């Protein structure tokens, strides 16, 4: 019987819908692949940043120790010590932020791979727990100089 081209139109429409669905699927695959690449690169960059910040934290602790020793000897001012402590606190904060960013990248990668589960969450939670880092040396018992310092403070310090 004659259907006025209806079956042909329906077949053509079905073919176009199939093409559209395949194109959407391919687009979604490309988007996921791009997101995985970006998360992976972020992870790698974060690893390097964390390593560099750990080295910076060690250097900051050494500077703080040297500044405190200089203060005890009369070479450094209290302001020098406070600046060194502030720098050490900034280094500690930057490292903590970098570690947190690393965990976020790890979570993104796991989510993209559909691998978010309890053991991974427990592992990441444990990794974010405070790490007993090389704590800065304790300050001297008193920041007030003794009545007769071993050496007078330098006059050229501001």
N, C-alpha and C. Protein backbone atom coordinates (compact mmCIF):
# COMPACT_ATOMS: atom_id res chain seq x y z
N UNK A 1 0.83 -1.19 0.00
CA UNK A 1 0.00 0.00 0.00
C UNK A 1 0.87 1.24 0.00
N UNK A 2 0.24 2.32 -0.32
CA UNK A 2 0.93 3.59 -0.40
C UNK A 2 0.82 4.32 0.94
N UNK A 3 1.96 4.72 1.52
CA UNK A 3 1.93 5.43 2.81
C UNK A 3 2.41 6.87 2.67
N UNK A 4 2.59 7.33 1.47
CA UNK A 4 2.97 8.72 1.24
C UNK A 4 4.41 9.01 1.63
N UNK A 5 5.26 8.00 1.68
CA UNK A 5 6.66 8.20 2.02
C UNK A 5 6.94 8.22 3.51
N UNK A 6 5.92 7.87 4.30
CA UNK A 6 6.06 7.89 5.76
C UNK A 6 7.12 6.92 6.25
N UNK A 7 7.16 5.72 5.75
CA UNK A 7 8.13 4.75 6.23
C UNK A 7 9.54 5.17 5.85
N UNK A 8 9.66 5.75 4.66
CA UNK A 8 10.96 6.23 4.22
C UNK A 8 11.42 7.41 5.11
N UNK A 9 10.54 8.29 5.44
CA UNK A 9 10.85 9.43 6.30
C UNK A 9 11.21 8.97 7.70
N UNK A 10 10.50 7.99 8.21
CA UNK A 10 10.80 7.47 9.54
C UNK A 10 12.16 6.79 9.56
N UNK A 11 12.48 6.06 8.51
CA UNK A 11 13.79 5.40 8.42
C UNK A 11 14.90 6.46 8.36
N UNK A 12 14.66 7.51 7.57
CA UNK A 12 15.64 8.59 7.46
C UNK A 12 15.81 9.30 8.80
N UNK A 13 14.70 9.55 9.48
CA UNK A 13 14.74 10.21 10.79
C UNK A 13 15.50 9.34 11.79
N UNK A 14 15.24 8.04 11.75
CA UNK A 14 15.94 7.12 12.65
C UNK A 14 17.44 7.13 12.41
N UNK A 15 17.82 7.17 11.13
CA UNK A 15 19.24 7.22 10.78
C UNK A 15 19.88 8.51 11.29
N UNK A 16 19.18 9.62 11.15
CA UNK A 16 19.70 10.90 11.62
C UNK A 16 19.80 10.93 13.14
N UNK A 17 18.83 10.37 13.82
CA UNK A 17 18.88 10.31 15.28
C UNK A 17 20.04 9.44 15.76
N UNK A 18 20.29 8.34 15.03
CA UNK A 18 21.41 7.48 15.36
C UNK A 18 22.73 8.24 15.16
N UNK A 19 22.85 8.97 14.05
CA UNK A 19 24.05 9.77 13.81
C UNK A 19 24.25 10.81 14.91
N UNK A 20 23.14 11.44 15.30
CA UNK A 20 23.22 12.46 16.35
C UNK A 20 23.68 11.84 17.66
N UNK A 21 23.14 10.69 18.03
CA UNK A 21 23.53 10.02 19.28
C UNK A 21 24.99 9.60 19.24
N UNK A 22 25.45 9.12 18.09
CA UNK A 22 26.85 8.72 17.97
C UNK A 22 27.77 9.93 18.08
N UNK A 23 27.38 11.05 17.52
CA UNK A 23 28.18 12.27 17.61
C UNK A 23 28.24 12.76 19.06
N UNK A 24 27.11 12.68 19.76
CA UNK A 24 27.10 13.09 21.17
C UNK A 24 27.98 12.18 22.02
N UNK A 25 27.93 10.89 21.72
CA UNK A 25 28.77 9.94 22.44
C UNK A 25 30.25 10.24 22.20
N UNK A 26 30.61 10.50 20.97
CA UNK A 26 32.00 10.82 20.64
C UNK A 26 32.43 12.12 21.33
N UNK A 27 31.56 13.11 21.35
CA UNK A 27 31.87 14.37 22.02
C UNK A 27 32.07 14.15 23.52
N UNK A 28 31.23 13.33 24.13
CA UNK A 28 31.37 13.04 25.56
C UNK A 28 32.69 12.32 25.82
N UNK A 29 33.07 11.39 24.95
CA UNK A 29 34.35 10.67 25.12
C UNK A 29 35.52 11.65 25.03
N UNK A 30 35.46 12.56 24.08
CA UNK A 30 36.53 13.55 23.93
C UNK A 30 36.62 14.46 25.15
N UNK A 31 35.47 14.84 25.69
CA UNK A 31 35.47 15.70 26.88
C UNK A 31 36.08 14.98 28.07
N UNK A 32 35.72 13.72 28.26
CA UNK A 32 36.27 12.95 29.37
C UNK A 32 37.77 12.77 29.19
N UNK A 33 38.20 12.48 27.99
CA UNK A 33 39.63 12.32 27.73
C UNK A 33 40.38 13.62 28.04
N UNK A 34 39.82 14.75 27.67
CA UNK A 34 40.45 16.04 27.95
C UNK A 34 40.50 16.31 29.46
N UNK A 35 39.43 15.97 30.14
CA UNK A 35 39.40 16.16 31.59
C UNK A 35 40.43 15.27 32.28
N UNK A 36 40.59 14.06 31.80
CA UNK A 36 41.58 13.15 32.37
C UNK A 36 42.99 13.69 32.13
N UNK A 37 43.24 14.16 30.91
CA UNK A 37 44.56 14.73 30.62
C UNK A 37 44.85 15.93 31.52
N UNK A 38 43.87 16.80 31.68
CA UNK A 38 44.05 17.99 32.51
C UNK A 38 44.29 17.59 33.97
N UNK A 39 43.53 16.63 34.47
CA UNK A 39 43.70 16.18 35.86
C UNK A 39 45.06 15.52 36.04
N UNK A 40 45.50 14.75 35.06
CA UNK A 40 46.80 14.08 35.16
C UNK A 40 47.93 15.10 35.16
N UNK A 41 47.85 16.08 34.27
CA UNK A 41 48.88 17.13 34.24
C UNK A 41 48.87 17.93 35.54
N UNK A 42 47.68 18.19 36.07
CA UNK A 42 47.58 18.87 37.36
C UNK A 42 48.21 18.05 38.47
N UNK A 43 48.01 16.76 38.42
CA UNK A 43 48.59 15.86 39.41
C UNK A 43 50.11 15.92 39.34
N UNK A 44 50.65 15.82 38.14
CA UNK A 44 52.11 15.84 37.97
C UNK A 44 52.70 17.18 38.41
N UNK A 45 52.07 18.26 38.02
CA UNK A 45 52.55 19.58 38.42
C UNK A 45 52.47 19.73 39.94
N UNK A 46 51.41 19.21 40.52
CA UNK A 46 51.25 19.27 41.97
C UNK A 46 52.33 18.49 42.70
N UNK A 47 52.72 17.34 42.15
CA UNK A 47 53.79 16.55 42.77
C UNK A 47 55.08 17.37 42.83
N UNK A 48 55.41 18.01 41.72
CA UNK A 48 56.62 18.82 41.68
C UNK A 48 56.52 20.00 42.64
N UNK A 49 55.35 20.60 42.71
CA UNK A 49 55.15 21.76 43.60
C UNK A 49 55.29 21.35 45.06
N UNK A 50 54.70 20.22 45.43
CA UNK A 50 54.80 19.74 46.81
C UNK A 50 56.26 19.47 47.17
N UNK A 51 56.99 18.83 46.27
CA UNK A 51 58.41 18.54 46.54
C UNK A 51 59.20 19.84 46.72
N UNK A 52 58.95 20.82 45.86
CA UNK A 52 59.65 22.09 45.98
C UNK A 52 59.29 22.81 47.28
N UNK A 53 58.01 22.77 47.65
CA UNK A 53 57.59 23.44 48.87
C UNK A 53 58.13 22.73 50.12
N UNK A 54 58.31 21.42 50.06
CA UNK A 54 58.92 20.71 51.18
C UNK A 54 60.37 21.17 51.36
N UNK A 55 61.08 21.32 50.25
CA UNK A 55 62.45 21.83 50.33
C UNK A 55 62.45 23.27 50.87
N UNK A 56 61.49 24.06 50.42
CA UNK A 56 61.38 25.43 50.90
C UNK A 56 61.09 25.50 52.39
N UNK A 57 60.28 24.57 52.86
CA UNK A 57 59.97 24.53 54.29
C UNK A 57 61.22 24.20 55.11
N UNK A 58 62.02 23.27 54.61
CA UNK A 58 63.27 22.94 55.31
C UNK A 58 64.20 24.16 55.34
N UNK A 59 64.29 24.84 54.22
CA UNK A 59 65.14 26.04 54.16
C UNK A 59 64.62 27.11 55.10
N UNK A 60 63.31 27.25 55.16
CA UNK A 60 62.69 28.24 56.03
C UNK A 60 62.99 27.93 57.50
N UNK A 61 62.92 26.64 57.86
CA UNK A 61 63.22 26.24 59.24
C UNK A 61 64.68 26.52 59.57
N UNK A 62 65.56 26.27 58.61
CA UNK A 62 66.99 26.54 58.83
C UNK A 62 67.23 28.04 59.00
N UNK A 63 66.55 28.84 58.18
CA UNK A 63 66.69 30.30 58.30
C UNK A 63 66.19 30.78 59.65
N UNK A 64 65.07 30.22 60.08
CA UNK A 64 64.52 30.61 61.37
C UNK A 64 65.48 30.26 62.50
N UNK A 65 66.05 29.07 62.42
CA UNK A 65 67.02 28.66 63.44
C UNK A 65 68.23 29.59 63.45
N UNK A 66 68.73 29.90 62.26
CA UNK A 66 69.90 30.80 62.17
C UNK A 66 69.56 32.20 62.67
N UNK A 67 68.37 32.65 62.39
CA UNK A 67 67.97 33.99 62.84
C UNK A 67 67.84 34.03 64.36
N UNK A 68 67.30 32.99 64.93
CA UNK A 68 67.19 32.93 66.40
C UNK A 68 68.58 32.89 67.05
N UNK A 69 69.48 32.12 66.43
CA UNK A 69 70.84 32.07 66.95
C UNK A 69 71.48 33.45 66.85
N UNK A 70 71.26 34.11 65.72
CA UNK A 70 71.78 35.47 65.56
C UNK A 70 71.20 36.42 66.58
N UNK A 71 69.96 36.23 66.93
CA UNK A 71 69.31 37.07 67.96
C UNK A 71 69.96 36.85 69.31
N UNK A 72 70.25 35.58 69.63
CA UNK A 72 70.89 35.27 70.90
C UNK A 72 72.29 35.90 70.98
N UNK A 73 72.94 35.98 69.84
CA UNK A 73 74.30 36.54 69.81
C UNK A 73 74.29 38.05 69.67
N UNK A 74 73.14 38.63 69.43
CA UNK A 74 73.04 40.08 69.32
C UNK A 74 73.20 40.59 67.90
N UNK A 75 73.28 39.70 66.93
CA UNK A 75 73.44 40.09 65.53
C UNK A 75 72.10 40.43 64.87
N UNK A 76 71.06 39.84 65.34
CA UNK A 76 69.74 40.01 64.73
C UNK A 76 68.78 40.67 65.71
N UNK A 77 67.79 41.34 65.13
CA UNK A 77 66.80 42.01 65.97
C UNK A 77 65.60 41.11 66.16
N UNK A 78 64.75 41.50 67.07
CA UNK A 78 63.51 40.76 67.28
C UNK A 78 62.67 40.79 66.02
N UNK A 79 62.70 41.90 65.29
CA UNK A 79 61.95 41.99 64.03
C UNK A 79 62.45 40.96 63.02
N UNK A 80 63.75 40.72 62.97
CA UNK A 80 64.30 39.69 62.09
C UNK A 80 63.74 38.32 62.45
N UNK A 81 63.67 38.04 63.74
CA UNK A 81 63.13 36.75 64.20
C UNK A 81 61.65 36.64 63.83
N UNK A 82 60.91 37.69 64.06
CA UNK A 82 59.48 37.67 63.74
C UNK A 82 59.26 37.50 62.23
N UNK A 83 60.07 38.16 61.42
CA UNK A 83 59.96 38.00 59.97
C UNK A 83 60.27 36.56 59.55
N UNK A 84 61.29 35.97 60.15
CA UNK A 84 61.65 34.59 59.84
C UNK A 84 60.53 33.64 60.26
N UNK A 85 59.91 33.89 61.42
CA UNK A 85 58.78 33.06 61.86
C UNK A 85 57.60 33.21 60.92
N UNK A 86 57.36 34.43 60.46
CA UNK A 86 56.27 34.67 59.51
C UNK A 86 56.53 33.94 58.20
N UNK A 87 57.76 34.00 57.71
CA UNK A 87 58.11 33.30 56.47
C UNK A 87 57.94 31.79 56.63
N UNK A 88 58.33 31.29 57.79
CA UNK A 88 58.18 29.85 58.04
C UNK A 88 56.69 29.46 58.08
N UNK A 89 55.88 30.28 58.68
CA UNK A 89 54.44 30.00 58.72
C UNK A 89 53.85 30.03 57.31
N UNK A 90 54.29 30.99 56.49
CA UNK A 90 53.82 31.04 55.09
C UNK A 90 54.22 29.80 54.32
N UNK A 91 55.44 29.34 54.53
CA UNK A 91 55.92 28.13 53.85
C UNK A 91 55.10 26.91 54.28
N UNK A 92 54.78 26.85 55.56
CA UNK A 92 53.98 25.74 56.08
C UNK A 92 52.58 25.77 55.46
N UNK A 93 51.99 26.95 55.39
CA UNK A 93 50.66 27.10 54.80
C UNK A 93 50.68 26.75 53.31
N UNK A 94 51.68 27.21 52.59
CA UNK A 94 51.76 26.92 51.15
C UNK A 94 51.89 25.42 50.92
N UNK A 95 52.64 24.74 51.74
CA UNK A 95 52.78 23.29 51.61
C UNK A 95 51.45 22.59 51.89
N UNK A 96 50.76 23.03 52.92
CA UNK A 96 49.46 22.42 53.25
C UNK A 96 48.47 22.64 52.10
N UNK A 97 48.47 23.83 51.53
CA UNK A 97 47.56 24.10 50.41
C UNK A 97 47.92 23.25 49.19
N UNK A 98 49.20 23.07 48.94
CA UNK A 98 49.63 22.25 47.81
C UNK A 98 49.23 20.80 48.01
N UNK A 99 49.39 20.30 49.22
CA UNK A 99 48.98 18.91 49.51
C UNK A 99 47.47 18.75 49.33
N UNK A 100 46.71 19.73 49.75
CA UNK A 100 45.26 19.67 49.58
C UNK A 100 44.91 19.68 48.10
N UNK A 101 45.58 20.51 47.33
CA UNK A 101 45.36 20.53 45.88
C UNK A 101 45.70 19.20 45.25
N UNK A 102 46.75 18.55 45.73
CA UNK A 102 47.12 17.23 45.23
C UNK A 102 46.01 16.22 45.48
N UNK A 103 45.44 16.29 46.66
CA UNK A 103 44.36 15.36 46.97
C UNK A 103 43.13 15.63 46.09
N UNK A 104 42.86 16.88 45.81
CA UNK A 104 41.75 17.22 44.93
C UNK A 104 41.98 16.67 43.53
N UNK A 105 43.20 16.79 43.03
CA UNK A 105 43.51 16.23 41.72
C UNK A 105 43.34 14.72 41.72
N UNK A 106 43.76 14.08 42.80
CA UNK A 106 43.62 12.62 42.91
C UNK A 106 42.14 12.23 42.91
N UNK A 107 41.33 13.01 43.61
CA UNK A 107 39.89 12.74 43.62
C UNK A 107 39.28 12.93 42.23
N UNK A 108 39.72 13.95 41.50
CA UNK A 108 39.22 14.17 40.14
C UNK A 108 39.56 12.99 39.25
N UNK A 109 40.80 12.54 39.34
CA UNK A 109 41.21 11.39 38.53
C UNK A 109 40.38 10.15 38.87
N UNK A 110 40.19 9.92 40.15
CA UNK A 110 39.41 8.75 40.57
C UNK A 110 37.96 8.87 40.11
N UNK A 111 37.40 10.06 40.20
CA UNK A 111 36.02 10.25 39.76
C UNK A 111 35.89 10.04 38.26
N UNK A 112 36.84 10.54 37.50
CA UNK A 112 36.80 10.36 36.04
C UNK A 112 36.95 8.89 35.65
N UNK A 113 37.68 8.14 36.45
CA UNK A 113 37.87 6.72 36.18
C UNK A 113 36.80 5.87 36.87
N UNK A 114 35.85 6.54 37.53
CA UNK A 114 34.79 5.85 38.27
C UNK A 114 35.37 4.90 39.32
N UNK A 115 36.35 5.41 40.05
CA UNK A 115 37.04 4.61 41.06
C UNK A 115 36.97 5.22 42.46
N UNK A 116 36.00 6.07 42.71
CA UNK A 116 35.84 6.62 44.06
C UNK A 116 35.22 5.55 44.95
N UNK A 117 35.93 5.16 45.99
CA UNK A 117 35.40 4.15 46.91
C UNK A 117 35.93 4.41 48.31
N UNK A 118 35.44 3.65 49.25
CA UNK A 118 35.80 3.83 50.66
C UNK A 118 37.31 3.71 50.92
N UNK A 119 37.98 2.67 50.41
CA UNK A 119 39.43 2.58 50.70
C UNK A 119 40.21 3.79 50.19
N UNK A 120 39.86 4.29 49.01
CA UNK A 120 40.55 5.46 48.48
C UNK A 120 40.30 6.68 49.36
N UNK A 121 39.06 6.85 49.77
CA UNK A 121 38.72 7.99 50.63
C UNK A 121 39.47 7.91 51.96
N UNK A 122 39.57 6.71 52.52
CA UNK A 122 40.29 6.54 53.79
C UNK A 122 41.78 6.85 53.59
N UNK A 123 42.33 6.41 52.47
CA UNK A 123 43.74 6.66 52.17
C UNK A 123 44.00 8.16 52.03
N UNK A 124 43.14 8.86 51.31
CA UNK A 124 43.32 10.29 51.12
C UNK A 124 43.10 11.05 52.42
N UNK A 125 42.17 10.60 53.21
CA UNK A 125 41.92 11.24 54.50
C UNK A 125 43.15 11.10 55.40
N UNK A 126 43.76 9.92 55.40
CA UNK A 126 44.96 9.71 56.20
C UNK A 126 46.11 10.56 55.68
N UNK A 127 46.18 10.75 54.38
CA UNK A 127 47.25 11.55 53.80
C UNK A 127 47.10 13.02 54.17
N UNK A 128 45.89 13.47 54.41
CA UNK A 128 45.67 14.86 54.77
C UNK A 128 45.86 15.12 56.26
N UNK A 129 46.02 14.06 57.04
CA UNK A 129 46.24 14.23 58.48
C UNK A 129 47.54 15.00 58.68
N UNK A 130 47.61 15.78 59.74
CA UNK A 130 48.84 16.55 59.99
C UNK A 130 50.07 15.64 60.03
N UNK A 131 51.05 16.03 59.26
CA UNK A 131 52.30 15.27 59.19
C UNK A 131 53.29 15.90 60.16
N UNK A 132 53.88 15.11 61.04
CA UNK A 132 54.88 15.68 61.94
C UNK A 132 56.10 16.08 61.12
N UNK A 133 56.09 17.32 60.67
CA UNK A 133 57.20 17.83 59.85
C UNK A 133 58.33 18.29 60.74
N UNK A 134 59.38 18.65 60.10
CA UNK A 134 60.51 19.20 60.85
C UNK A 134 60.07 20.52 61.46
N UNK A 135 59.69 20.47 62.69
CA UNK A 135 59.19 21.66 63.38
C UNK A 135 60.32 22.66 63.55
N UNK A 136 59.99 23.92 63.52
CA UNK A 136 61.03 24.92 63.71
C UNK A 136 61.59 24.80 65.12
N UNK A 137 62.83 25.14 65.28
CA UNK A 137 63.41 25.07 66.62
C UNK A 137 62.65 25.95 67.59
N UNK A 138 62.59 25.52 68.81
CA UNK A 138 61.88 26.29 69.83
C UNK A 138 62.59 27.61 70.07
N UNK A 139 61.82 28.65 70.35
CA UNK A 139 62.45 29.94 70.62
C UNK A 139 63.20 29.88 71.94
N UNK A 140 64.14 30.79 72.11
CA UNK A 140 64.85 30.82 73.39
C UNK A 140 63.88 31.08 74.53
N UNK A 141 64.31 30.75 75.72
CA UNK A 141 63.44 30.89 76.89
C UNK A 141 62.90 32.30 77.03
N UNK A 142 63.67 33.28 76.73
CA UNK A 142 63.21 34.66 76.84
C UNK A 142 63.75 35.45 75.65
N UNK A 143 62.89 36.26 75.04
CA UNK A 143 63.32 37.08 73.93
C UNK A 143 63.92 38.39 74.40
N UNK A 144 63.96 38.59 75.69
CA UNK A 144 64.53 39.81 76.25
C UNK A 144 66.03 39.58 76.38
N UNK A 145 66.84 40.45 75.80
CA UNK A 145 68.29 40.26 75.90
C UNK A 145 68.75 40.36 77.35
N UNK A 146 69.81 39.66 77.62
CA UNK A 146 70.38 39.69 78.97
C UNK A 146 70.92 41.11 79.24
N UNK A 147 71.17 41.38 80.49
CA UNK A 147 71.64 42.71 80.87
C UNK A 147 72.97 43.02 80.20
N UNK A 148 73.82 42.04 80.05
CA UNK A 148 75.10 42.26 79.39
C UNK A 148 75.24 41.24 78.26
N UNK A 149 74.84 41.65 77.07
CA UNK A 149 74.93 40.70 75.97
C UNK A 149 76.38 40.39 75.63
N UNK A 150 76.60 39.23 75.03
CA UNK A 150 77.95 38.83 74.67
C UNK A 150 78.54 39.79 73.65
N UNK A 151 77.70 40.35 72.82
CA UNK A 151 78.15 41.27 71.80
C UNK A 151 77.05 42.29 71.56
N UNK A 152 77.39 43.52 71.41
CA UNK A 152 76.40 44.57 71.20
C UNK A 152 75.77 44.43 69.82
N UNK A 153 74.48 44.75 69.68
CA UNK A 153 73.83 44.68 68.36
C UNK A 153 74.52 45.61 67.38
N UNK A 154 74.50 45.19 66.13
CA UNK A 154 75.13 46.01 65.09
C UNK A 154 74.32 47.27 64.86
N UNK A 155 75.00 48.36 64.62
CA UNK A 155 74.33 49.66 64.43
C UNK A 155 73.74 49.81 63.03
N UNK A 156 74.23 49.03 62.06
CA UNK A 156 73.77 49.21 60.68
C UNK A 156 72.44 48.52 60.40
N UNK A 157 71.86 47.84 61.38
CA UNK A 157 70.56 47.17 61.21
C UNK A 157 69.44 48.17 61.32
N UNK A 158 68.45 47.99 60.49
CA UNK A 158 67.28 48.87 60.54
C UNK A 158 66.16 48.21 61.26
